[in-house]
C-alpha atoms as a PDB file:
ATOM      1  CA  UNK A   1      12.697 -36.606  25.382  1.00  0.00           C
ATOM      2  CA  UNK A   2      11.053 -34.005  27.278  1.00  0.00           C
ATOM      3  CA  UNK A   3       8.524 -34.429  29.927  1.00  0.00           C
ATOM      4  CA  UNK A   4       5.004 -32.738  29.939  1.00  0.00           C
ATOM      5  CA  UNK A   5       6.465 -30.203  32.302  1.00  0.00           C
ATOM      6  CA  UNK A   6       9.514 -28.989  30.081  1.00  0.00           C
ATOM      7  CA  UNK A   7       7.248 -28.544  27.408  1.00  0.00           C
ATOM      8  CA  UNK A   8       4.794 -26.413  29.020  1.00  0.00           C
ATOM      9  CA  UNK A   9       7.825 -24.460  30.457  1.00  0.00           C
ATOM     10  CA  UNK A  10       9.160 -23.973  26.635  1.00  0.00           C
ATOM     11  CA  UNK A  11       5.726 -22.817  25.627  1.00  0.00           C
ATOM     12  CA  UNK A  12       5.754 -20.300  28.158  1.00  0.00           C
ATOM     13  CA  UNK A  13       9.028 -19.026  27.071  1.00  0.00           C
ATOM     14  CA  UNK A  14       8.105 -18.805  23.768  1.00  0.00           C
ATOM     15  CA  UNK A  15       4.730 -16.469  24.624  1.00  0.00           C
ATOM     16  CA  UNK A  16       6.626 -14.595  27.043  1.00  0.00           C
ATOM     17  CA  UNK A  17       9.135 -13.767  24.203  1.00  0.00           C
ATOM     18  CA  UNK A  18       6.208 -12.792  21.807  1.00  0.00           C
ATOM     19  CA  UNK A  19       4.911 -10.627  24.404  1.00  0.00           C
ATOM     20  CA  UNK A  20       8.148  -8.878  24.910  1.00  0.00           C
ATOM     21  CA  UNK A  21       8.410  -8.322  21.167  1.00  0.00           C
ATOM     22  CA  UNK A  22       5.068  -7.066  20.781  1.00  0.00           C
ATOM     23  CA  UNK A  23       5.191  -4.821  23.554  1.00  0.00           C
ATOM     24  CA  UNK A  24       8.703  -3.295  21.851  1.00  0.00           C
ATOM     25  CA  UNK A  25       7.176  -3.206  18.298  1.00  0.00           C
ATOM     26  CA  UNK A  26       3.930  -1.605  19.649  1.00  0.00           C
ATOM     27  CA  UNK A  27       5.856   1.266  21.279  1.00  0.00           C
ATOM     28  CA  UNK A  28       8.244   1.971  18.359  1.00  0.00           C
ATOM     29  CA  UNK A  29       7.551   4.798  15.797  1.00  0.00           C
ATOM     30  CA  UNK A  30       6.710   3.032  12.349  1.00  0.00           C
ATOM     31  CA  UNK A  31       9.175   4.364  10.367  1.00  0.00           C
ATOM     32  CA  UNK A  32      11.967   3.058  12.769  1.00  0.00           C
ATOM     33  CA  UNK A  33      10.360  -0.443  12.772  1.00  0.00           C
ATOM     34  CA  UNK A  34      10.443  -0.523   8.637  1.00  0.00           C
ATOM     35  CA  UNK A  35      14.323   0.062   8.363  1.00  0.00           C
ATOM     36  CA  UNK A  36      15.427   3.312  10.330  1.00  0.00           C
ATOM     37  CA  UNK A  37      15.710   5.556   7.298  1.00  0.00           C
ATOM     38  CA  UNK A  38      13.709   8.721   7.976  1.00  0.00           C
ATOM     39  CA  UNK A  39      10.667   9.035   5.688  1.00  0.00           C
ATOM     40  CA  UNK A  40      10.632  10.977   2.433  1.00  0.00           C
ATOM     41  CA  UNK A  41       7.082  10.702   1.091  1.00  0.00           C
ATOM     42  CA  UNK A  42       4.845  13.641   1.842  1.00  0.00           C
ATOM     43  CA  UNK A  43       2.437  13.551   4.150  1.00  0.00           C
ATOM     44  CA  UNK A  44      -1.138  13.657   2.189  1.00  0.00           C
ATOM     45  CA  UNK A  45      -4.743  13.760   3.174  1.00  0.00           C
ATOM     46  CA  UNK A  46      -5.542  10.831   0.480  1.00  0.00           C
ATOM     47  CA  UNK A  47      -3.943   8.093  -1.017  1.00  0.00           C
ATOM     48  CA  UNK A  48      -0.450   8.910  -2.249  1.00  0.00           C
ATOM     49  CA  UNK A  49      -0.420   8.336  -6.409  1.00  0.00           C
ATOM     50  CA  UNK A  50       3.739   8.281  -6.447  1.00  0.00           C
ATOM     51  CA  UNK A  51       5.329   8.854  -9.906  1.00  0.00           C
ATOM     52  CA  UNK A  52       8.755   6.425  -9.854  1.00  0.00           C
ATOM     53  CA  UNK A  53       9.232   6.451 -13.790  1.00  0.00           C
ATOM     54  CA  UNK A  54      10.072  10.356 -15.270  1.00  0.00           C
ATOM     55  CA  UNK A  55      10.617   8.537 -18.985  1.00  0.00           C
ATOM     56  CA  UNK A  56       7.439   9.923 -20.479  1.00  0.00           C
ATOM     57  CA  UNK A  57       5.776  13.054 -19.291  1.00  0.00           C
ATOM     58  CA  UNK A  58       2.668  12.539 -22.010  1.00  0.00           C
ATOM     59  CA  UNK A  59       2.273   8.997 -20.519  1.00  0.00           C
ATOM     60  CA  UNK A  60       1.948  10.208 -16.869  1.00  0.00           C
ATOM     61  CA  UNK A  61      -0.166  12.879 -17.794  1.00  0.00           C
ATOM     62  CA  UNK A  62      -2.718  10.528 -19.303  1.00  0.00           C
ATOM     63  CA  UNK A  63      -2.414   7.982 -16.146  1.00  0.00           C
ATOM     64  CA  UNK A  64      -2.923  10.349 -13.671  1.00  0.00           C
ATOM     65  CA  UNK A  65      -5.613  11.876 -15.409  1.00  0.00           C
ATOM     66  CA  UNK A  66      -7.446   8.614 -16.078  1.00  0.00           C
ATOM     67  CA  UNK A  67      -7.093   7.987 -12.429  1.00  0.00           C
ATOM     68  CA  UNK A  68      -8.281  11.157 -11.211  1.00  0.00           C
ATOM     69  CA  UNK A  69     -11.183  11.156 -13.602  1.00  0.00           C
ATOM     70  CA  UNK A  70     -14.521  10.974 -11.963  1.00  0.00           C
ATOM     71  CA  UNK A  71     -16.384   7.436 -12.891  1.00  0.00           C
ATOM     72  CA  UNK A  72     -20.114   7.069 -13.315  1.00  0.00           C
ATOM     73  CA  UNK A  73     -21.328   4.298 -10.605  1.00  0.00           C
ATOM     74  CA  UNK A  74     -25.016   3.942 -11.442  1.00  0.00           C
ATOM     75  CA  UNK A  75     -28.078   6.111 -10.268  1.00  0.00           C
ATOM     76  CA  UNK A  76     -26.499   9.503 -11.948  1.00  0.00           C
ATOM     77  CA  UNK A  77     -23.544   9.118  -9.037  1.00  0.00           C
ATOM     78  CA  UNK A  78     -19.869   9.586  -9.829  1.00  0.00           C
ATOM     79  CA  UNK A  79     -16.866   8.602  -7.831  1.00  0.00           C
ATOM     80  CA  UNK A  80     -13.463   9.507  -8.029  1.00  0.00           C
ATOM     81  CA  UNK A  81     -10.088   8.100  -6.506  1.00  0.00           C
ATOM     82  CA  UNK A  82      -9.095   9.580  -3.633  1.00  0.00           C
ATOM     83  CA  UNK A  83      -5.344  10.022  -4.515  1.00  0.00           C
ATOM     84  CA  UNK A  84      -3.175  12.968  -4.190  1.00  0.00           C
ATOM     85  CA  UNK A  85      -0.256  12.778  -7.111  1.00  0.00           C
ATOM     86  CA  UNK A  86       2.918  13.095  -5.787  1.00  0.00           C
ATOM     87  CA  UNK A  87       5.758  13.873  -8.695  1.00  0.00           C
ATOM     88  CA  UNK A  88       8.962  14.096  -7.069  1.00  0.00           C
ATOM     89  CA  UNK A  89      12.292  12.876  -8.825  1.00  0.00           C
ATOM     90  CA  UNK A  90      13.471  11.786  -5.586  1.00  0.00           C
ATOM     91  CA  UNK A  91      11.490   8.573  -6.098  1.00  0.00           C
ATOM     92  CA  UNK A  92      12.573   7.829  -9.462  1.00  0.00           C
ATOM     93  CA  UNK A  93      13.020   3.968  -9.604  1.00  0.00           C
ATOM     94  CA  UNK A  94      12.316   3.279  -6.076  1.00  0.00           C
ATOM     95  CA  UNK A  95      10.652  -0.303  -5.398  1.00  0.00           C
ATOM     96  CA  UNK A  96       7.364  -1.265  -3.529  1.00  0.00           C
ATOM     97  CA  UNK A  97       9.306  -1.959  -0.218  1.00  0.00           C
ATOM     98  CA  UNK A  98      11.727   1.570  -0.737  1.00  0.00           C
ATOM     99  CA  UNK A  99       8.527   3.048  -1.176  1.00  0.00           C
ATOM    100  CA  UNK A 100       7.006   1.485   2.002  1.00  0.00           C
ATOM    101  CA  UNK A 101      10.045   2.651   3.691  1.00  0.00           C
ATOM    102  CA  UNK A 102       9.596   6.162   3.347  1.00  0.00           C
ATOM    103  CA  UNK A 103       5.885   6.523   4.337  1.00  0.00           C
ATOM    104  CA  UNK A 104       6.224   8.515   7.501  1.00  0.00           C
ATOM    105  CA  UNK A 105       4.621   7.802  10.950  1.00  0.00           C
ATOM    106  CA  UNK A 106       0.915   8.513  11.767  1.00  0.00           C
ATOM    107  CA  UNK A 107       1.413  11.987  13.771  1.00  0.00           C
ATOM    108  CA  UNK A 108      -1.809  10.789  15.957  1.00  0.00           C
ATOM    109  CA  UNK A 109      -0.525   7.083  16.214  1.00  0.00           C
ATOM    110  CA  UNK A 110       3.447   7.009  15.558  1.00  0.00           C
ATOM    111  CA  UNK A 111       3.352   3.212  15.787  1.00  0.00           C
ATOM    112  CA  UNK A 112       1.214   3.244  12.408  1.00  0.00           C
ATOM    113  CA  UNK A 113       2.059   4.111   8.900  1.00  0.00           C
ATOM    114  CA  UNK A 114       0.509   7.572   7.786  1.00  0.00           C
ATOM    115  CA  UNK A 115      -0.460   5.317   4.691  1.00  0.00           C
ATOM    116  CA  UNK A 116      -1.242   1.945   4.481  1.00  0.00           C
ATOM    117  CA  UNK A 117      -2.030   2.343   0.830  1.00  0.00           C
ATOM    118  CA  UNK A 118       0.398   3.422  -1.959  1.00  0.00           C
ATOM    119  CA  UNK A 119      -0.652   3.636  -5.679  1.00  0.00           C
ATOM    120  CA  UNK A 120       2.756   3.456  -7.881  1.00  0.00           C
ATOM    121  CA  UNK A 121       3.340   4.909 -11.361  1.00  0.00           C
ATOM    122  CA  UNK A 122       6.578   3.101 -12.651  1.00  0.00           C
ATOM    123  CA  UNK A 123       8.022   1.423 -15.527  1.00  0.00           C
ATOM    124  CA  UNK A 124       5.498  -1.110 -16.029  1.00  0.00           C
ATOM    125  CA  UNK A 125       2.893   1.312 -15.747  1.00  0.00           C
ATOM    126  CA  UNK A 126       4.525   3.662 -18.443  1.00  0.00           C
ATOM    127  CA  UNK A 127       5.181   0.889 -20.585  1.00  0.00           C
ATOM    128  CA  UNK A 128       2.392  -1.302 -20.309  1.00  0.00           C
ATOM    129  CA  UNK A 129      -0.176  -1.599 -23.193  1.00  0.00           C
ATOM    130  CA  UNK A 130      -3.320  -0.682 -20.153  1.00  0.00           C
ATOM    131  CA  UNK A 131      -1.070   1.249 -18.062  1.00  0.00           C
ATOM    132  CA  UNK A 132      -1.869  -0.552 -15.191  1.00  0.00           C
ATOM    133  CA  UNK A 133      -0.309   0.718 -11.785  1.00  0.00           C
ATOM    134  CA  UNK A 134       0.929  -1.299  -8.862  1.00  0.00           C
ATOM    135  CA  UNK A 135      -1.121  -1.009  -6.124  1.00  0.00           C
ATOM    136  CA  UNK A 136       0.982  -1.290  -2.490  1.00  0.00           C
ATOM    137  CA  UNK A 137      -0.799  -2.247   0.674  1.00  0.00           C
ATOM    138  CA  UNK A 138       0.883  -2.327   3.942  1.00  0.00           C
ATOM    139  CA  UNK A 139      -1.277  -4.600   6.690  1.00  0.00           C
ATOM    140  CA  UNK A 140      -0.060  -3.145  10.320  1.00  0.00           C
ATOM    141  CA  UNK A 141      -2.083  -6.185  11.850  1.00  0.00           C
ATOM    142  CA  UNK A 142      -0.143  -8.621   9.941  1.00  0.00           C
ATOM    143  CA  UNK A 143       3.221  -7.837  10.814  1.00  0.00           C
ATOM    144  CA  UNK A 144       3.657  -5.219   8.567  1.00  0.00           C
ATOM    145  CA  UNK A 145       3.071  -7.535   5.302  1.00  0.00           C
ATOM    146  CA  UNK A 146       3.550  -5.627   1.998  1.00  0.00           C
ATOM    147  CA  UNK A 147       1.095  -6.849  -0.606  1.00  0.00           C
ATOM    148  CA  UNK A 148       1.266  -5.695  -4.353  1.00  0.00           C
ATOM    149  CA  UNK A 149      -0.945  -5.902  -7.126  1.00  0.00           C
ATOM    150  CA  UNK A 150      -1.841  -4.082 -10.722  1.00  0.00           C
ATOM    151  CA  UNK A 151      -4.739  -2.143 -11.535  1.00  0.00           C
ATOM    152  CA  UNK A 152      -5.864  -0.261 -14.550  1.00  0.00           C
ATOM    153  CA  UNK A 153      -6.220   3.326 -14.147  1.00  0.00           C
ATOM    154  CA  UNK A 154      -9.946   3.022 -13.923  1.00  0.00           C
ATOM    155  CA  UNK A 155     -10.190   0.040 -11.571  1.00  0.00           C
ATOM    156  CA  UNK A 156      -7.749   2.024  -8.754  1.00  0.00           C
ATOM    157  CA  UNK A 157     -10.802   4.198  -8.155  1.00  0.00           C
ATOM    158  CA  UNK A 158     -12.680   1.096  -7.304  1.00  0.00           C
ATOM    159  CA  UNK A 159     -10.002  -0.502  -5.359  1.00  0.00           C
ATOM    160  CA  UNK A 160      -9.333   2.336  -3.434  1.00  0.00           C
ATOM    161  CA  UNK A 161     -12.680   3.498  -2.477  1.00  0.00           C
ATOM    162  CA  UNK A 162     -13.371  -0.194  -1.321  1.00  0.00           C
ATOM    163  CA  UNK A 163     -10.128  -0.185   0.689  1.00  0.00           C
ATOM    164  CA  UNK A 164     -10.205   3.023   2.040  1.00  0.00           C
ATOM    165  CA  UNK A 165     -13.929   2.389   3.641  1.00  0.00           C
ATOM    166  CA  UNK A 166     -13.243  -0.883   4.537  1.00  0.00           C
ATOM    167  CA  UNK A 167     -15.994  -2.007   1.843  1.00  0.00           C
ATOM    168  CA  UNK A 168     -14.068  -4.702   0.606  1.00  0.00           C
ATOM    169  CA  UNK A 169     -10.660  -6.343   1.397  1.00  0.00           C
ATOM    170  CA  UNK A 170      -7.418  -6.967  -0.128  1.00  0.00           C
ATOM    171  CA  UNK A 171      -8.072 -10.625  -0.642  1.00  0.00           C
ATOM    172  CA  UNK A 172     -11.228  -9.735  -2.715  1.00  0.00           C
ATOM    173  CA  UNK A 173      -9.338  -7.560  -4.920  1.00  0.00           C
ATOM    174  CA  UNK A 174      -6.606 -10.019  -5.260  1.00  0.00           C
ATOM    175  CA  UNK A 175      -8.793 -13.035  -6.324  1.00  0.00           C
ATOM    176  CA  UNK A 176     -10.812 -10.574  -8.690  1.00  0.00           C
ATOM    177  CA  UNK A 177      -7.406  -9.866 -10.896  1.00  0.00           C
ATOM    178  CA  UNK A 178      -7.136 -11.756 -13.813  1.00  0.00           C
ATOM    179  CA  UNK A 179      -5.193 -14.443 -15.105  1.00  0.00           C
ATOM    180  CA  UNK A 180      -2.148 -11.747 -15.899  1.00  0.00           C
ATOM    181  CA  UNK A 181      -2.574 -10.393 -12.184  1.00  0.00           C
ATOM    182  CA  UNK A 182      -4.486  -7.073 -13.002  1.00  0.00           C
ATOM    183  CA  UNK A 183      -7.577  -6.193 -11.361  1.00  0.00           C
ATOM    184  CA  UNK A 184     -10.005  -4.615 -14.248  1.00  0.00           C
ATOM    185  CA  UNK A 185     -13.499  -2.985 -13.149  1.00  0.00           C
ATOM    186  CA  UNK A 186     -15.481  -5.599 -11.701  1.00  0.00           C
END
């Protein structure tokens, strides 16, 4: 059985190791921390809307157009999802984790990813009745935790606008998802 001074010494060692890890992690570029792969997603000014399923061009066009369409918000205002379509066959079939691993580092802050939100048009998007898209969030503050949820094309605008302006948090949308895990207009 450890005495009080033994427990304190053990706690100090644990804290020192955590601080060392935090210092090392903070100085490493984002792409190295993820998995060492060179990033391949393009740098975008807005949130990337990544196509990973190339089986149906007509469905992709309809989904893309629905996400990009202006949506009335009341009072005569219209909002759009601030997304940029990325249509590159190199991303065909990639999972959320594989896409996150390909997010480039922020050029102004290399220990941060250039994008912390991805919108993905995957096989489920193309085959589901509502064409719900996969939303992937990377929480850098929480040890690069990758979170996923689905949203209908119209709801993407609401989620993206509120997340990127920090008007609402990820948890609020996760809680607002219906029983099937899909966020629809709130």
